[in-house]
Protein backbone atom coordinates (compact mmCIF):
# COMPACT_ATOMS: atom_id res chain seq x y z
CA MET A 1 36.72 11.71 1.43
CA ILE A 2 35.24 10.24 -1.75
CA ASN A 3 38.23 7.93 -2.18
CA PHE A 4 37.87 6.79 1.42
CA ILE A 5 34.17 5.98 0.90
CA GLN A 6 34.93 4.16 -2.36
CA GLN A 7 37.69 2.07 -0.80
CA THR A 8 35.79 1.33 2.40
CA LEU A 9 32.41 0.54 0.88
CA GLY A 10 33.54 -0.67 -2.57
CA PRO A 11 33.41 -4.36 -1.64
CA TYR A 12 29.82 -3.84 -0.46
CA TYR A 13 28.52 -2.18 -3.65
CA PHE A 14 26.10 -4.97 -4.54
CA PHE A 15 24.87 -5.23 -0.96
CA ILE A 16 24.18 -1.46 -0.93
CA LYS A 17 22.49 -1.82 -4.31
CA PHE A 18 20.29 -4.62 -2.98
CA ILE A 19 19.27 -2.51 0.03
CA HIS A 20 18.58 0.45 -2.24
CA LEU A 21 16.43 -1.55 -4.66
CA TYR A 22 14.62 -3.37 -1.87
CA PHE A 23 13.58 -0.09 -0.27
CA VAL A 24 12.69 1.41 -3.66
CA MET A 25 10.21 -1.45 -4.06
CA VAL A 26 8.89 -1.00 -0.52
CA TRP A 27 8.50 2.72 -1.18
CA MET A 28 6.77 2.31 -4.52
CA TRP A 29 4.45 -0.57 -3.75
CA SER A 30 3.72 -0.44 -0.02
CA THR A 31 0.66 1.75 -0.47
CA ALA A 32 -0.35 0.81 -4.01
CA VAL A 33 -2.69 -2.02 -2.98
CA ALA A 34 -4.23 -0.04 -0.13
CA PHE A 35 -4.80 2.93 -2.41
CA ALA A 36 -6.24 0.97 -5.33
CA PHE A 37 -8.35 -1.58 -3.51
CA TYR A 38 -9.38 0.18 -0.29
CA LEU A 39 -9.19 3.94 -0.58
CA VAL A 40 -10.43 4.34 -4.15
CA PRO A 41 -13.60 2.22 -3.71
CA VAL A 42 -14.44 3.80 -0.36
CA PHE A 43 -13.88 7.34 -1.62
CA LYS A 44 -15.91 6.64 -4.78
CA ALA A 45 -18.77 5.37 -2.60
CA TRP A 46 -18.47 8.49 -0.45
CA ARG A 47 -18.57 10.74 -3.54
CA ARG A 48 -21.79 8.98 -4.66
CA ASN A 49 -23.33 9.20 -1.15
CA PRO A 50 -21.63 12.11 0.64
CA ASP A 51 -24.14 12.16 3.51
CA ASP A 52 -24.27 8.45 4.31
CA PRO A 53 -22.90 8.07 7.86
CA GLN A 54 -21.81 4.45 7.33
CA ILE A 55 -19.83 5.35 4.22
CA ILE A 56 -18.30 8.36 5.96
CA ALA A 57 -17.27 6.15 8.88
CA MET A 58 -15.70 3.64 6.46
CA ARG A 59 -13.94 6.46 4.58
CA ASP A 60 -12.54 7.86 7.82
CA TRP A 61 -11.42 4.42 8.98
CA ALA A 62 -9.72 3.72 5.64
CA ILE A 63 -7.84 7.04 5.46
CA GLU A 64 -6.69 6.77 9.08
CA ARG A 65 -5.41 3.23 8.46
CA PHE A 66 -3.74 4.50 5.29
CA ASP A 67 -1.96 7.20 7.35
CA HIS A 68 -0.69 4.44 9.60
CA GLY A 69 0.25 2.11 6.73
CA VAL A 70 2.40 4.63 4.88
CA SER A 71 4.89 4.34 7.72
CA TYR A 72 6.62 1.62 5.68
CA GLU A 73 6.91 3.98 2.75
CA HIS A 74 8.16 6.77 4.98
CA VAL A 75 10.86 4.60 6.54
CA ALA A 76 11.94 3.37 3.10
CA PHE A 77 12.35 6.80 1.50
CA PRO A 78 15.15 8.10 3.77
CA ILE A 79 17.01 4.82 3.30
CA ILE A 80 16.73 5.33 -0.46
CA LEU A 81 18.07 8.86 -0.07
CA ILE A 82 21.08 7.51 1.85
CA THR A 83 21.89 4.46 -0.26
CA GLY A 84 21.39 6.28 -3.59
CA PRO A 85 24.26 8.73 -3.10
CA LEU A 86 26.38 5.91 -1.65
CA LEU A 87 25.85 3.97 -4.88
CA LEU A 88 26.74 7.07 -6.85
CA ILE A 89 30.02 7.49 -4.96
CA VAL A 90 30.98 3.83 -4.53
CA GLY A 91 30.07 2.97 -8.11
CA GLY A 92 32.10 5.85 -9.49
CA TRP A 93 29.14 7.27 -11.39
CA ASN A 94 29.19 10.88 -12.56
CA MET A 95 26.94 13.35 -14.27
CA ASP A 96 28.14 12.26 -17.72
CA SER A 97 25.56 9.48 -17.52
CA GLY A 98 22.32 10.87 -18.93
CA TRP A 99 20.19 8.19 -17.31
CA LEU A 100 21.57 9.16 -13.90
CA VAL A 101 20.95 12.87 -14.42
CA LEU A 102 17.35 12.16 -15.44
CA LYS A 103 16.90 9.86 -12.45
CA LEU A 104 18.24 12.50 -10.05
CA LEU A 105 16.04 15.20 -11.60
CA ILE A 106 12.98 13.02 -11.02
CA VAL A 107 13.98 12.26 -7.43
CA ILE A 108 14.80 15.87 -6.57
CA GLY A 109 12.06 17.52 -8.63
CA ILE A 110 9.15 15.16 -8.01
CA PHE A 111 9.71 12.57 -5.29
CA ILE A 112 11.28 14.70 -2.56
CA PRO A 113 8.55 17.39 -2.72
CA VAL A 114 5.78 14.75 -2.90
CA GLU A 115 7.20 12.79 0.03
CA SER A 116 7.75 15.92 2.11
CA PHE A 117 4.08 16.85 1.81
CA ASP A 118 3.08 13.21 2.30
CA TYR A 119 5.00 13.04 5.60
CA TYR A 120 3.15 16.12 6.77
CA ILE A 121 -0.36 14.99 5.88
CA SER A 122 0.14 11.46 7.15
CA HIS A 123 2.15 11.89 10.32
CA LEU A 124 2.52 15.50 11.33
CA GLY A 125 -0.09 18.28 11.19
CA GLY A 126 -2.39 16.40 8.86
CA ASN A 127 -2.59 13.09 10.71
CA LYS A 128 -6.28 12.22 10.68
CA ALA A 129 -6.40 10.15 13.88
CA ARG A 130 -4.89 13.05 15.85
CA LEU A 131 -7.15 15.56 14.13
CA ARG A 132 -10.19 13.47 15.06
CA GLN A 133 -9.10 13.63 18.72
CA THR A 134 -9.16 17.44 18.63
CA GLY A 135 -12.93 17.24 18.29
CA ASP A 136 -13.11 19.71 15.38
CA PRO A 137 -15.02 17.92 12.60
CA ASP A 138 -14.44 20.73 10.08
CA ILE A 139 -10.66 20.54 10.35
CA TYR A 140 -10.84 16.76 10.18
CA GLU A 141 -13.04 16.87 7.06
CA ARG A 142 -10.79 19.38 5.30
CA SER A 143 -7.77 17.22 6.10
CA VAL A 144 -9.43 14.07 4.72
CA GLN A 145 -10.41 15.87 1.52
CA ARG A 146 -6.96 17.48 1.13
CA HIS A 147 -5.30 14.08 1.57
CA TRP A 148 -7.61 12.52 -1.00
CA MET A 149 -6.88 15.27 -3.52
CA PHE A 150 -3.16 14.89 -2.86
CA LEU A 151 -3.39 11.15 -3.52
CA LEU A 152 -5.37 11.68 -6.72
CA VAL A 153 -2.79 14.14 -8.02
CA SER A 154 0.42 12.51 -6.77
CA SER A 155 -0.19 8.77 -7.22
CA PRO A 156 -0.16 8.59 -11.05
CA PRO A 157 3.11 10.54 -11.46
CA VAL A 158 4.78 8.57 -8.65
CA MET A 159 3.86 5.26 -10.31
CA VAL A 160 4.87 6.40 -13.81
CA PHE A 161 8.12 8.10 -12.79
CA GLY A 162 8.92 5.41 -10.24
CA THR A 163 8.70 2.81 -12.97
CA LEU A 164 10.76 5.03 -15.27
CA ILE A 165 13.47 5.32 -12.64
CA ILE A 166 13.64 1.55 -12.31
CA VAL A 167 13.91 1.20 -16.09
CA LEU A 168 16.65 3.86 -16.18
CA ALA A 169 18.61 2.22 -13.35
CA VAL A 170 18.40 -1.27 -14.83
CA THR A 171 18.91 -0.52 -18.53
CA LYS A 172 21.09 2.64 -18.31
CA PRO A 173 19.94 3.56 -21.84
CA PHE A 174 21.99 6.73 -22.28
């Protein structure tokens, strides 16, 4: 099976690599601007004035739009998870490459768990627009605060380790 994949897709290695890297960039950077320049200022203002109805309305609008905007990220991630193993097989890589082992450990140990929870809080049970429609303000508020805490905890490691993965993939240092 591996030989068949290598022979069939071998001529398309660089095309697969381009798709993989393109979607890595979409995944890493699609929400960075929204997070840094929209969510952070609005949530800081809300923390300073937690009872201001205008700030709460802006916070709610921003987090609901963020839920919608991460759709790009959440389309990109499965494509990364498909093209990555294809590159591994087609390129003939193996676990003797330390850079690859480290890269896979980061993807499996950090990114897959982070993205799994992110899918849930953005699109499934934690989707703020749908929670608002239920009419239960307490559930909505808990969901907004949980999402904010998740973003505060997960964003720095994703940016640091995402950049590290790119460096590992490009330089293959060990």
